[in-house]
Amino acid sequence: MLHRGTALYRAERNDDLLKYKPYLDAEARVIAHLPGQGKYSGMLGALEVKTEAGIRFKLGSGLSDAERREPPALGCWVTYRYNGINAKSGIPRFARFMRVRSDRECGTS
């Protein structure tokens, strides 16, 4: 928690006390589009991605409705953010889509 040093304690939400949530980011290649369910029926539900280290996982959070209607093409590189790595599986914890990498070419791997 980050607390403004000159602020007095207040028992309510305010900008004097903020939670600090550090995260890491990395890149992965889109290898599949997984269909959505419920609210996202007929749209993209998640991207299946593969890191350069060969780890495969699903990336569903962080996508806007517009990105779900027109998802990144297969083979494109995307940036995602995450909070550490799962010790057993090596999969990123709480991975969220950030953006498509425009500086790397799309293509099959």
PDB file of N, CA and C in Angstrom:
ATOM      1  N   MET A   1       0.845  -1.172   0.000  1.00  0.00           N
ATOM      2  CA  MET A   1       0.000   0.000   0.000  1.00  0.00           C
ATOM      3  C   MET A   1       0.894   1.238   0.000  1.00  0.00           C
ATOM      4  N   LEU A   2       0.453   2.245  -0.726  1.00  0.00           N
ATOM      5  CA  LEU A   2       1.168   3.520  -0.768  1.00  0.00           C
ATOM      6  C   LEU A   2       0.335   4.551  -0.025  1.00  0.00           C
ATOM      7  N   HIS A   3       0.936   5.161   0.983  1.00  0.00           N
ATOM      8  CA  HIS A   3       0.210   6.133   1.802  1.00  0.00           C
ATOM      9  C   HIS A   3       0.884   7.494   1.691  1.00  0.00           C
ATOM     10  N   ARG A   4       0.077   8.514   1.404  1.00  0.00           N
ATOM     11  CA  ARG A   4       0.600   9.873   1.354  1.00  0.00           C
ATOM     12  C   ARG A   4       1.036  10.255   2.766  1.00  0.00           C
ATOM     13  N   GLY A   5       2.289  10.620   2.936  1.00  0.00           N
ATOM     14  CA  GLY A   5       2.865  10.863   4.255  1.00  0.00           C
ATOM     15  C   GLY A   5       2.208  11.981   5.037  1.00  0.00           C
ATOM     16  N   THR A   6       1.722  13.007   4.373  1.00  0.00           N
ATOM     17  CA  THR A   6       1.131  14.154   5.080  1.00  0.00           C
ATOM     18  C   THR A   6      -0.355  13.980   5.352  1.00  0.00           C
ATOM     19  N   ALA A   7      -0.939  12.899   4.879  1.00  0.00           N
ATOM     20  CA  ALA A   7      -2.382  12.700   5.009  1.00  0.00           C
ATOM     21  C   ALA A   7      -2.740  12.081   6.359  1.00  0.00           C
ATOM     22  N   LEU A   8      -3.843  12.507   6.904  1.00  0.00           N
ATOM     23  CA  LEU A   8      -4.390  11.918   8.121  1.00  0.00           C
ATOM     24  C   LEU A   8      -5.234  10.707   7.731  1.00  0.00           C
ATOM     25  N   TYR A   9      -5.427   9.788   8.683  1.00  0.00           N
ATOM     26  CA  TYR A   9      -6.224   8.593   8.427  1.00  0.00           C
ATOM     27  C   TYR A   9      -7.683   8.982   8.231  1.00  0.00           C
ATOM     28  N   ARG A  10      -8.308   8.379   7.212  1.00  0.00           N
ATOM     29  CA  ARG A  10      -9.746   8.545   6.987  1.00  0.00           C
ATOM     30  C   ARG A  10     -10.326   7.168   6.724  1.00  0.00           C
ATOM     31  N   ALA A  11     -11.421   6.823   7.355  1.00  0.00           N
ATOM     32  CA  ALA A  11     -12.047   5.510   7.204  1.00  0.00           C
ATOM     33  C   ALA A  11     -12.986   5.508   6.003  1.00  0.00           C
ATOM     34  N   GLU A  12     -12.438   5.764   4.837  1.00  0.00           N
ATOM     35  CA  GLU A  12     -13.206   5.789   3.589  1.00  0.00           C
ATOM     36  C   GLU A  12     -12.227   5.666   2.433  1.00  0.00           C
ATOM     37  N   ARG A  13     -12.757   5.426   1.253  1.00  0.00           N
ATOM     38  CA  ARG A  13     -11.895   5.381   0.065  1.00  0.00           C
ATOM     39  C   ARG A  13     -11.421   6.791  -0.250  1.00  0.00           C
ATOM     40  N   ASN A  14     -10.139   6.912  -0.577  1.00  0.00           N
ATOM     41  CA  ASN A  14      -9.597   8.218  -0.939  1.00  0.00           C
ATOM     42  C   ASN A  14      -8.287   8.028  -1.689  1.00  0.00           C
ATOM     43  N   ASP A  15      -7.766   9.106  -2.229  1.00  0.00           N
ATOM     44  CA  ASP A  15      -6.526   9.046  -3.010  1.00  0.00           C
ATOM     45  C   ASP A  15      -5.274   9.122  -2.149  1.00  0.00           C
ATOM     46  N   ASP A  16      -5.427   9.144  -0.826  1.00  0.00           N
ATOM     47  CA  ASP A  16      -4.272   9.198   0.067  1.00  0.00           C
ATOM     48  C   ASP A  16      -3.701   7.805   0.338  1.00  0.00           C
ATOM     49  N   LEU A  17      -4.474   6.771   0.048  1.00  0.00           N
ATOM     50  CA  LEU A  17      -4.037   5.399   0.267  1.00  0.00           C
ATOM     51  C   LEU A  17      -4.333   4.601  -1.007  1.00  0.00           C
ATOM     52  N   LEU A  18      -3.298   4.149  -1.677  1.00  0.00           N
ATOM     53  CA  LEU A  18      -3.452   3.439  -2.946  1.00  0.00           C
ATOM     54  C   LEU A  18      -2.783   2.074  -2.882  1.00  0.00           C
ATOM     55  N   LYS A  19      -3.403   1.097  -3.499  1.00  0.00           N
ATOM     56  CA  LYS A  19      -2.819  -0.241  -3.571  1.00  0.00           C
ATOM     57  C   LYS A  19      -1.844  -0.286  -4.744  1.00  0.00           C
ATOM     58  N   TYR A  20      -0.656  -0.764  -4.493  1.00  0.00           N
ATOM     59  CA  TYR A  20       0.359  -0.910  -5.527  1.00  0.00           C
ATOM     60  C   TYR A  20       0.334  -2.348  -6.018  1.00  0.00           C
ATOM     61  N   LYS A  21       0.038  -2.542  -7.300  1.00  0.00           N
ATOM     62  CA  LYS A  21      -0.047  -3.881  -7.876  1.00  0.00           C
ATOM     63  C   LYS A  21       0.936  -3.996  -9.039  1.00  0.00           C
ATOM     64  N   PRO A  22       2.171  -4.406  -8.758  1.00  0.00           N
ATOM     65  CA  PRO A  22       3.165  -4.528  -9.837  1.00  0.00           C
ATOM     66  C   PRO A  22       2.803  -5.688 -10.768  1.00  0.00           C
ATOM     67  N   TYR A  23       3.198  -5.577 -12.028  1.00  0.00           N
ATOM     68  CA  TYR A  23       2.955  -6.642 -12.990  1.00  0.00           C
ATOM     69  C   TYR A  23       4.125  -6.732 -13.950  1.00  0.00           C
ATOM     70  N   LEU A  24       4.211  -7.836 -14.629  1.00  0.00           N
ATOM     71  CA  LEU A  24       5.212  -8.071 -15.664  1.00  0.00           C
ATOM     72  C   LEU A  24       4.497  -8.118 -16.996  1.00  0.00           C
ATOM     73  N   ASP A  25       5.232  -7.965 -18.090  1.00  0.00           N
ATOM     74  CA  ASP A  25       4.620  -8.142 -19.402  1.00  0.00           C
ATOM     75  C   ASP A  25       5.550  -8.958 -20.280  1.00  0.00           C
ATOM     76  N   ALA A  26       4.965  -9.584 -21.294  1.00  0.00           N
ATOM     77  CA  ALA A  26       5.711 -10.439 -22.213  1.00  0.00           C
ATOM     78  C   ALA A  26       4.943 -10.540 -23.520  1.00  0.00           C
ATOM     79  N   GLU A  27       5.534 -11.238 -24.487  1.00  0.00           N
ATOM     80  CA  GLU A  27       4.917 -11.411 -25.794  1.00  0.00           C
ATOM     81  C   GLU A  27       4.673 -12.888 -26.073  1.00  0.00           C
ATOM     82  N   ALA A  28       3.662 -13.131 -26.901  1.00  0.00           N
ATOM     83  CA  ALA A  28       3.346 -14.491 -27.334  1.00  0.00           C
ATOM     84  C   ALA A  28       2.688 -14.419 -28.710  1.00  0.00           C
ATOM     85  N   ARG A  29       2.756 -15.531 -29.443  1.00  0.00           N
ATOM     86  CA  ARG A  29       2.171 -15.611 -30.778  1.00  0.00           C
ATOM     87  C   ARG A  29       0.782 -16.253 -30.701  1.00  0.00           C
ATOM     88  N   VAL A  30      -0.177 -15.676 -31.421  1.00  0.00           N
ATOM     89  CA  VAL A  30      -1.542 -16.214 -31.466  1.00  0.00           C
ATOM     90  C   VAL A  30      -1.532 -17.480 -32.318  1.00  0.00           C
ATOM     91  N   ILE A  31      -2.012 -18.595 -31.732  1.00  0.00           N
ATOM     92  CA  ILE A  31      -2.030 -19.853 -32.487  1.00  0.00           C
ATOM     93  C   ILE A  31      -3.446 -20.365 -32.727  1.00  0.00           C
ATOM     94  N   ALA A  32      -4.445 -19.818 -32.011  1.00  0.00           N
ATOM     95  CA  ALA A  32      -5.833 -20.256 -32.224  1.00  0.00           C
ATOM     96  C   ALA A  32      -6.801 -19.220 -31.666  1.00  0.00           C
ATOM     97  N   HIS A  33      -7.996 -19.189 -32.256  1.00  0.00           N
ATOM     98  CA  HIS A  33      -9.100 -18.377 -31.755  1.00  0.00           C
ATOM     99  C   HIS A  33     -10.115 -19.325 -31.132  1.00  0.00           C
ATOM    100  N   LEU A  34     -10.450 -19.105 -29.870  1.00  0.00           N
ATOM    101  CA  LEU A  34     -11.413 -19.962 -29.188  1.00  0.00           C
ATOM    102  C   LEU A  34     -12.747 -19.232 -29.114  1.00  0.00           C
ATOM    103  N   PRO A  35     -13.854 -19.925 -29.429  1.00  0.00           N
ATOM    104  CA  PRO A  35     -15.162 -19.262 -29.492  1.00  0.00           C
ATOM    105  C   PRO A  35     -15.657 -18.827 -28.115  1.00  0.00           C
ATOM    106  N   GLY A  36     -16.436 -17.735 -28.118  1.00  0.00           N
ATOM    107  CA  GLY A  36     -17.007 -17.220 -26.885  1.00  0.00           C
ATOM    108  C   GLY A  36     -18.291 -17.927 -26.507  1.00  0.00           C
ATOM    109  N   GLN A  37     -18.669 -17.776 -25.246  1.00  0.00           N
ATOM    110  CA  GLN A  37     -19.907 -18.362 -24.743  1.00  0.00           C
ATOM    111  C   GLN A  37     -20.680 -17.279 -24.003  1.00  0.00           C
ATOM    112  N   GLY A  38     -21.986 -17.463 -23.895  1.00  0.00           N
ATOM    113  CA  GLY A  38     -22.807 -16.519 -23.143  1.00  0.00           C
ATOM    114  C   GLY A  38     -22.777 -15.137 -23.761  1.00  0.00           C
ATOM    115  N   LYS A  39     -22.326 -14.160 -23.010  1.00  0.00           N
ATOM    116  CA  LYS A  39     -22.243 -12.763 -23.459  1.00  0.00           C
ATOM    117  C   LYS A  39     -21.416 -12.632 -24.741  1.00  0.00           C
ATOM    118  N   TYR A  40     -20.409 -13.476 -24.887  1.00  0.00           N
ATOM    119  CA  TYR A  40     -19.515 -13.391 -26.039  1.00  0.00           C
ATOM    120  C   TYR A  40     -19.835 -14.423 -27.121  1.00  0.00           C
ATOM    121  N   SER A  41     -21.034 -14.969 -27.111  1.00  0.00           N
ATOM    122  CA  SER A  41     -21.440 -15.927 -28.123  1.00  0.00           C
ATOM    123  C   SER A  41     -21.369 -15.275 -29.503  1.00  0.00           C
ATOM    124  N   GLY A  42     -20.741 -15.939 -30.456  1.00  0.00           N
ATOM    125  CA  GLY A  42     -20.575 -15.397 -31.798  1.00  0.00           C
ATOM    126  C   GLY A  42     -19.350 -14.510 -31.935  1.00  0.00           C
ATOM    127  N   MET A  43     -18.627 -14.319 -30.854  1.00  0.00           N
ATOM    128  CA  MET A  43     -17.397 -13.515 -30.872  1.00  0.00           C
ATOM    129  C   MET A  43     -16.250 -14.376 -30.347  1.00  0.00           C
ATOM    130  N   LEU A  44     -15.080 -13.783 -30.280  1.00  0.00           N
ATOM    131  CA  LEU A  44     -13.912 -14.451 -29.721  1.00  0.00           C
ATOM    132  C   LEU A  44     -14.074 -14.596 -28.214  1.00  0.00           C
ATOM    133  N   GLY A  45     -13.814 -15.780 -27.683  1.00  0.00           N
ATOM    134  CA  GLY A  45     -13.838 -15.993 -26.245  1.00  0.00           C
ATOM    135  C   GLY A  45     -12.456 -15.813 -25.652  1.00  0.00           C
ATOM    136  N   ALA A  46     -11.451 -16.377 -26.331  1.00  0.00           N
ATOM    137  CA  ALA A  46     -10.073 -16.279 -25.859  1.00  0.00           C
ATOM    138  C   ALA A  46      -9.123 -16.540 -27.021  1.00  0.00           C
ATOM    139  N   LEU A  47      -7.909 -16.062 -26.855  1.00  0.00           N
ATOM    140  CA  LEU A  47      -6.825 -16.356 -27.787  1.00  0.00           C
ATOM    141  C   LEU A  47      -6.004 -17.482 -27.178  1.00  0.00           C
ATOM    142  N   GLU A  48      -5.654 -18.463 -27.977  1.00  0.00           N
ATOM    143  CA  GLU A  48      -4.675 -19.435 -27.506  1.00  0.00           C
ATOM    144  C   GLU A  48      -3.339 -18.935 -28.026  1.00  0.00           C
ATOM    145  N   VAL A  49      -2.378 -18.784 -27.130  1.00  0.00           N
ATOM    146  CA  VAL A  49      -1.086 -18.208 -27.496  1.00  0.00           C
ATOM    147  C   VAL A  49       0.047 -19.143 -27.091  1.00  0.00           C
ATOM    148  N   LYS A  50       1.200 -18.903 -27.707  1.00  0.00           N
ATOM    149  CA  LYS A  50       2.393 -19.696 -27.422  1.00  0.00           C
ATOM    150  C   LYS A  50       3.574 -18.748 -27.269  1.00  0.00           C
ATOM    151  N   THR A  51       4.284 -18.860 -26.169  1.00  0.00           N
ATOM    152  CA  THR A  51       5.444 -17.997 -25.922  1.00  0.00           C
ATOM    153  C   THR A  51       6.645 -18.507 -26.715  1.00  0.00           C
ATOM    154  N   GLU A  52       7.701 -17.719 -26.745  1.00  0.00           N
ATOM    155  CA  GLU A  52       8.919 -18.149 -27.434  1.00  0.00           C
ATOM    156  C   GLU A  52       9.533 -19.364 -26.750  1.00  0.00           C
ATOM    157  N   ALA A  53       9.235 -19.551 -25.454  1.00  0.00           N
ATOM    158  CA  ALA A  53       9.734 -20.713 -24.712  1.00  0.00           C
ATOM    159  C   ALA A  53       8.880 -21.951 -24.952  1.00  0.00           C
ATOM    160  N   GLY A  54       7.782 -21.814 -25.724  1.00  0.00           N
ATOM    161  CA  GLY A  54       6.940 -22.943 -26.063  1.00  0.00           C
ATOM    162  C   GLY A  54       5.781 -23.190 -25.111  1.00  0.00           C
ATOM    163  N   ILE A  55       5.541 -22.291 -24.168  1.00  0.00           N
ATOM    164  CA  ILE A  55       4.433 -22.446 -23.228  1.00  0.00           C
ATOM    165  C   ILE A  55       3.151 -21.965 -23.891  1.00  0.00           C
ATOM    166  N   ARG A  56       2.108 -22.813 -23.845  1.00  0.00           N
ATOM    167  CA  ARG A  56       0.816 -22.486 -24.450  1.00  0.00           C
ATOM    168  C   ARG A  56      -0.200 -22.229 -23.352  1.00  0.00           C
ATOM    169  N   PHE A  57      -1.024 -21.196 -23.551  1.00  0.00           N
ATOM    170  CA  PHE A  57      -2.088 -20.893 -22.600  1.00  0.00           C
ATOM    171  C   PHE A  57      -3.136 -20.025 -23.266  1.00  0.00           C
ATOM    172  N   LYS A  58      -4.271 -19.862 -22.588  1.00  0.00           N
ATOM    173  CA  LYS A  58      -5.382 -19.064 -23.109  1.00  0.00           C
ATOM    174  C   LYS A  58      -5.311 -17.654 -22.552  1.00  0.00           C
ATOM    175  N   LEU A  59      -5.641 -16.699 -23.401  1.00  0.00           N
ATOM    176  CA  LEU A  59      -5.608 -15.287 -23.038  1.00  0.00           C
ATOM    177  C   LEU A  59      -6.982 -14.711 -23.360  1.00  0.00           C
ATOM    178  N   GLY A  60      -7.825 -14.543 -22.350  1.00  0.00           N
ATOM    179  CA  GLY A  60      -9.195 -14.087 -22.579  1.00  0.00           C
ATOM    180  C   GLY A  60      -9.495 -12.741 -21.959  1.00  0.00           C
ATOM    181  N   SER A  61      -8.877 -12.418 -20.851  1.00  0.00           N
ATOM    182  CA  SER A  61      -9.130 -11.137 -20.196  1.00  0.00           C
ATOM    183  C   SER A  61      -8.414 -10.005 -20.915  1.00  0.00           C
ATOM    184  N   GLY A  62      -8.977  -8.818 -20.812  1.00  0.00           N
ATOM    185  CA  GLY A  62      -8.340  -7.639 -21.376  1.00  0.00           C
ATOM    186  C   GLY A  62      -8.765  -7.297 -22.788  1.00  0.00           C
ATOM    187  N   LEU A  63      -9.508  -8.181 -23.443  1.00  0.00           N
ATOM    188  CA  LEU A  63      -9.949  -7.921 -24.815  1.00  0.00           C
ATOM    189  C   LEU A  63     -11.219  -7.068 -24.798  1.00  0.00           C
ATOM    190  N   SER A  64     -11.266  -6.046 -25.635  1.00  0.00           N
ATOM    191  CA  SER A  64     -12.481  -5.234 -25.749  1.00  0.00           C
ATOM    192  C   SER A  64     -13.482  -5.964 -26.649  1.00  0.00           C
ATOM    193  N   ASP A  65     -14.719  -5.512 -26.649  1.00  0.00           N
ATOM    194  CA  ASP A  65     -15.734  -6.125 -27.519  1.00  0.00           C
ATOM    195  C   ASP A  65     -15.343  -5.964 -28.988  1.00  0.00           C
ATOM    196  N   ALA A  66     -14.759  -4.820 -29.349  1.00  0.00           N
ATOM    197  CA  ALA A  66     -14.317  -4.602 -30.732  1.00  0.00           C
ATOM    198  C   ALA A  66     -13.215  -5.594 -31.110  1.00  0.00           C
ATOM    199  N   GLU A  67     -12.277  -5.844 -30.183  1.00  0.00           N
ATOM    200  CA  GLU A  67     -11.210  -6.811 -30.445  1.00  0.00           C
ATOM    201  C   GLU A  67     -11.763  -8.230 -30.499  1.00  0.00           C
ATOM    202  N   ARG A  68     -12.823  -8.496 -29.769  1.00  0.00           N
ATOM    203  CA  ARG A  68     -13.450  -9.818 -29.819  1.00  0.00           C
ATOM    204  C   ARG A  68     -14.180 -10.030 -31.145  1.00  0.00           C
ATOM    205  N   ARG A  69     -14.727  -8.950 -31.730  1.00  0.00           N
ATOM    206  CA  ARG A  69     -15.400  -9.070 -33.034  1.00  0.00           C
ATOM    207  C   ARG A  69     -14.390  -9.235 -34.159  1.00  0.00           C
ATOM    208  N   GLU A  70     -13.245  -8.549 -34.059  1.00  0.00           N
ATOM    209  CA  GLU A  70     -12.174  -8.654 -35.058  1.00  0.00           C
ATOM    210  C   GLU A  70     -10.864  -8.951 -34.338  1.00  0.00           C
ATOM    211  N   PRO A  71     -10.630 -10.211 -33.997  1.00  0.00           N
ATOM    212  CA  PRO A  71      -9.450 -10.573 -33.203  1.00  0.00           C
ATOM    213  C   PRO A  71      -8.151 -10.480 -34.003  1.00  0.00           C
ATOM    214  N   PRO A  72      -7.024 -10.439 -33.297  1.00  0.00           N
ATOM    215  CA  PRO A  72      -5.727 -10.448 -33.980  1.00  0.00           C
ATOM    216  C   PRO A  72      -5.603 -11.699 -34.842  1.00  0.00           C
ATOM    217  N   ALA A  73      -4.994 -11.560 -35.984  1.00  0.00           N
ATOM    218  CA  ALA A  73      -4.842 -12.684 -36.913  1.00  0.00           C
ATOM    219  C   ALA A  73      -3.949 -13.770 -36.315  1.00  0.00           C
ATOM    220  N   LEU A  74      -4.177 -14.993 -36.769  1.00  0.00           N
ATOM    221  CA  LEU A  74      -3.311 -16.097 -36.346  1.00  0.00           C
ATOM    222  C   LEU A  74      -1.884 -15.795 -36.775  1.00  0.00           C
ATOM    223  N   GLY A  75      -0.949 -16.075 -35.905  1.00  0.00           N
ATOM    224  CA  GLY A  75       0.458 -15.821 -36.206  1.00  0.00           C
ATOM    225  C   GLY A  75       0.950 -14.466 -35.740  1.00  0.00           C
ATOM    226  N   CYS A  76       0.047 -13.574 -35.357  1.00  0.00           N
ATOM    227  CA  CYS A  76       0.467 -12.251 -34.875  1.00  0.00           C
ATOM    228  C   CYS A  76       0.995 -12.358 -33.448  1.00  0.00           C
ATOM    229  N   TRP A  77       1.876 -11.436 -33.104  1.00  0.00           N
ATOM    230  CA  TRP A  77       2.425 -11.367 -31.754  1.00  0.00           C
ATOM    231  C   TRP A  77       1.601 -10.380 -30.942  1.00  0.00           C
ATOM    232  N   VAL A  78       1.295 -10.760 -29.704  1.00  0.00           N
ATOM    233  CA  VAL A  78       0.545  -9.897 -28.799  1.00  0.00           C
ATOM    234  C   VAL A  78       1.343  -9.712 -27.509  1.00  0.00           C
ATOM    235  N   THR A  79       1.106  -8.590 -26.857  1.00  0.00           N
ATOM    236  CA  THR A  79       1.703  -8.328 -25.554  1.00  0.00           C
ATOM    237  C   THR A  79       0.641  -8.592 -24.499  1.00  0.00           C
ATOM    238  N   TYR A  80       1.020  -9.245 -23.428  1.00  0.00           N
ATOM    239  CA  TYR A  80       0.109  -9.508 -22.324  1.00  0.00           C
ATOM    240  C   TYR A  80       0.802  -9.149 -21.015  1.00  0.00           C
ATOM    241  N   ARG A  81       0.002  -8.862 -19.996  1.00  0.00           N
ATOM    242  CA  ARG A  81       0.568  -8.587 -18.682  1.00  0.00           C
ATOM    243  C   ARG A  81       0.141  -9.700 -17.738  1.00  0.00           C
ATOM    244  N   TYR A  82       0.945  -9.940 -16.721  1.00  0.00           N
ATOM    245  CA  TYR A  82       0.664 -11.038 -15.801  1.00  0.00           C
ATOM    246  C   TYR A  82       1.293 -10.765 -14.441  1.00  0.00           C
ATOM    247  N   ASN A  83       0.865 -11.535 -13.435  1.00  0.00           N
ATOM    248  CA  ASN A  83       1.354 -11.380 -12.075  1.00  0.00           C
ATOM    249  C   ASN A  83       2.107 -12.638 -11.645  1.00  0.00           C
ATOM    250  N   GLY A  84       3.297 -12.813 -12.139  1.00  0.00           N
ATOM    251  CA  GLY A  84       4.111 -13.966 -11.762  1.00  0.00           C
ATOM    252  C   GLY A  84       3.803 -15.202 -12.587  1.00  0.00           C
ATOM    253  N   ILE A  85       4.515 -16.266 -12.269  1.00  0.00           N
ATOM    254  CA  ILE A  85       4.413 -17.527 -12.995  1.00  0.00           C
ATOM    255  C   ILE A  85       3.936 -18.614 -12.040  1.00  0.00           C
ATOM    256  N   ASN A  86       3.041 -19.480 -12.504  1.00  0.00           N
ATOM    257  CA  ASN A  86       2.584 -20.614 -11.713  1.00  0.00           C
ATOM    258  C   ASN A  86       3.756 -21.575 -11.547  1.00  0.00           C
ATOM    259  N   ALA A  87       4.061 -21.925 -10.307  1.00  0.00           N
ATOM    260  CA  ALA A  87       5.236 -22.751 -10.014  1.00  0.00           C
ATOM    261  C   ALA A  87       5.160 -24.142 -10.639  1.00  0.00           C
ATOM    262  N   LYS A  88       3.988 -24.745 -10.664  1.00  0.00           N
ATOM    263  CA  LYS A  88       3.867 -26.121 -11.178  1.00  0.00           C
ATOM    264  C   LYS A  88       3.835 -26.172 -12.698  1.00  0.00           C
ATOM    265  N   SER A  89       3.011 -25.331 -13.328  1.00  0.00           N
ATOM    266  CA  SER A  89       2.811 -25.428 -14.776  1.00  0.00           C
ATOM    267  C   SER A  89       3.696 -24.482 -15.586  1.00  0.00           C
ATOM    268  N   GLY A  90       4.191 -23.417 -14.970  1.00  0.00           N
ATOM    269  CA  GLY A  90       4.996 -22.434 -15.690  1.00  0.00           C
ATOM    270  C   GLY A  90       4.165 -21.446 -16.495  1.00  0.00           C
ATOM    271  N   ILE A  91       2.832 -21.522 -16.356  1.00  0.00           N
ATOM    272  CA  ILE A  91       1.927 -20.625 -17.074  1.00  0.00           C
ATOM    273  C   ILE A  91       1.830 -19.296 -16.325  1.00  0.00           C
ATOM    274  N   PRO A  92       1.806 -18.174 -17.046  1.00  0.00           N
ATOM    275  CA  PRO A  92       1.664 -16.871 -16.392  1.00  0.00           C
ATOM    276  C   PRO A  92       0.361 -16.782 -15.593  1.00  0.00           C
ATOM    277  N   ARG A  93       0.430 -16.198 -14.391  1.00  0.00           N
ATOM    278  CA  ARG A  93      -0.745 -16.053 -13.529  1.00  0.00           C
ATOM    279  C   ARG A  93      -1.505 -14.784 -13.901  1.00  0.00           C
ATOM    280  N   PHE A  94      -2.817 -14.885 -14.004  1.00  0.00           N
ATOM    281  CA  PHE A  94      -3.713 -13.765 -14.276  1.00  0.00           C
ATOM    282  C   PHE A  94      -3.299 -12.972 -15.516  1.00  0.00           C
ATOM    283  N   ALA A  95      -3.040 -13.684 -16.613  1.00  0.00           N
ATOM    284  CA  ALA A  95      -2.614 -13.046 -17.866  1.00  0.00           C
ATOM    285  C   ALA A  95      -3.760 -12.251 -18.480  1.00  0.00           C
ATOM    286  N   ARG A  96      -3.460 -11.012 -18.939  1.00  0.00           N
ATOM    287  CA  ARG A  96      -4.434 -10.129 -19.562  1.00  0.00           C
ATOM    288  C   ARG A  96      -3.851  -9.559 -20.854  1.00  0.00           C
ATOM    289  N   PHE A  97      -4.653  -9.574 -21.902  1.00  0.00           N
ATOM    290  CA  PHE A  97      -4.254  -9.016 -23.197  1.00  0.00           C
ATOM    291  C   PHE A  97      -4.008  -7.520 -23.054  1.00  0.00           C
ATOM    292  N   MET A  98      -2.941  -7.024 -23.686  1.00  0.00           N
ATOM    293  CA  MET A  98      -2.676  -5.587 -23.694  1.00  0.00           C
ATOM    294  C   MET A  98      -2.819  -4.998 -25.099  1.00  0.00           C
ATOM    295  N   ARG A  99      -2.086  -5.569 -26.068  1.00  0.00           N
ATOM    296  CA  ARG A  99      -2.110  -5.010 -27.422  1.00  0.00           C
ATOM    297  C   ARG A  99      -1.457  -5.982 -28.412  1.00  0.00           C
ATOM    298  N   VAL A 100      -1.697  -5.702 -29.680  1.00  0.00           N
ATOM    299  CA  VAL A 100      -1.035  -6.435 -30.762  1.00  0.00           C
ATOM    300  C   VAL A 100       0.290  -5.753 -31.019  1.00  0.00           C
ATOM    301  N   ARG A 101       1.343  -6.531 -31.197  1.00  0.00           N
ATOM    302  CA  ARG A 101       2.665  -5.973 -31.488  1.00  0.00           C
ATOM    303  C   ARG A 101       2.702  -5.566 -32.954  1.00  0.00           C
ATOM    304  N   SER A 102       2.782  -4.276 -33.219  1.00  0.00           N
ATOM    305  CA  SER A 102       2.802  -3.793 -34.594  1.00  0.00           C
ATOM    306  C   SER A 102       4.213  -3.846 -35.211  1.00  0.00           C
ATOM    307  N   ASP A 103       5.238  -3.995 -34.367  1.00  0.00           N
ATOM    308  CA  ASP A 103       6.601  -3.998 -34.875  1.00  0.00           C
ATOM    309  C   ASP A 103       7.095  -5.407 -35.244  1.00  0.00           C
ATOM    310  N   ARG A 104       6.272  -6.422 -35.025  1.00  0.00           N
ATOM    311  CA  ARG A 104       6.633  -7.792 -35.414  1.00  0.00           C
ATOM    312  C   ARG A 104       5.646  -8.288 -36.435  1.00  0.00           C
ATOM    313  N   GLU A 105       6.139  -8.945 -37.448  1.00  0.00           N
ATOM    314  CA  GLU A 105       5.268  -9.416 -38.538  1.00  0.00           C
ATOM    315  C   GLU A 105       4.400 -10.582 -38.108  1.00  0.00           C
ATOM    316  N   CYS A 106       3.200 -10.624 -38.666  1.00  0.00           N
ATOM    317  CA  CYS A 106       2.306 -11.767 -38.451  1.00  0.00           C
ATOM    318  C   CYS A 106       2.727 -12.872 -39.413  1.00  0.00           C
ATOM    319  N   GLY A 107       2.607 -14.073 -38.989  1.00  0.00           N
ATOM    320  CA  GLY A 107       2.942 -15.218 -39.833  1.00  0.00           C
ATOM    321  C   GLY A 107       2.872 -16.474 -39.026  1.00  0.00           C
ATOM    322  N   THR A 108       2.951 -17.585 -39.676  1.00  0.00           N
ATOM    323  CA  THR A 108       2.885 -18.867 -38.967  1.00  0.00           C
ATOM    324  C   THR A 108       4.246 -19.205 -38.403  1.00  0.00           C
ATOM    325  N   SER A 109       4.234 -19.951 -37.302  1.00  0.00           N
ATOM    326  CA  SER A 109       5.504 -20.335 -36.690  1.00  0.00           C
ATOM    327  C   SER A 109       5.854 -21.767 -36.963  1.00  0.00           C
TER     328      SER A 109
END
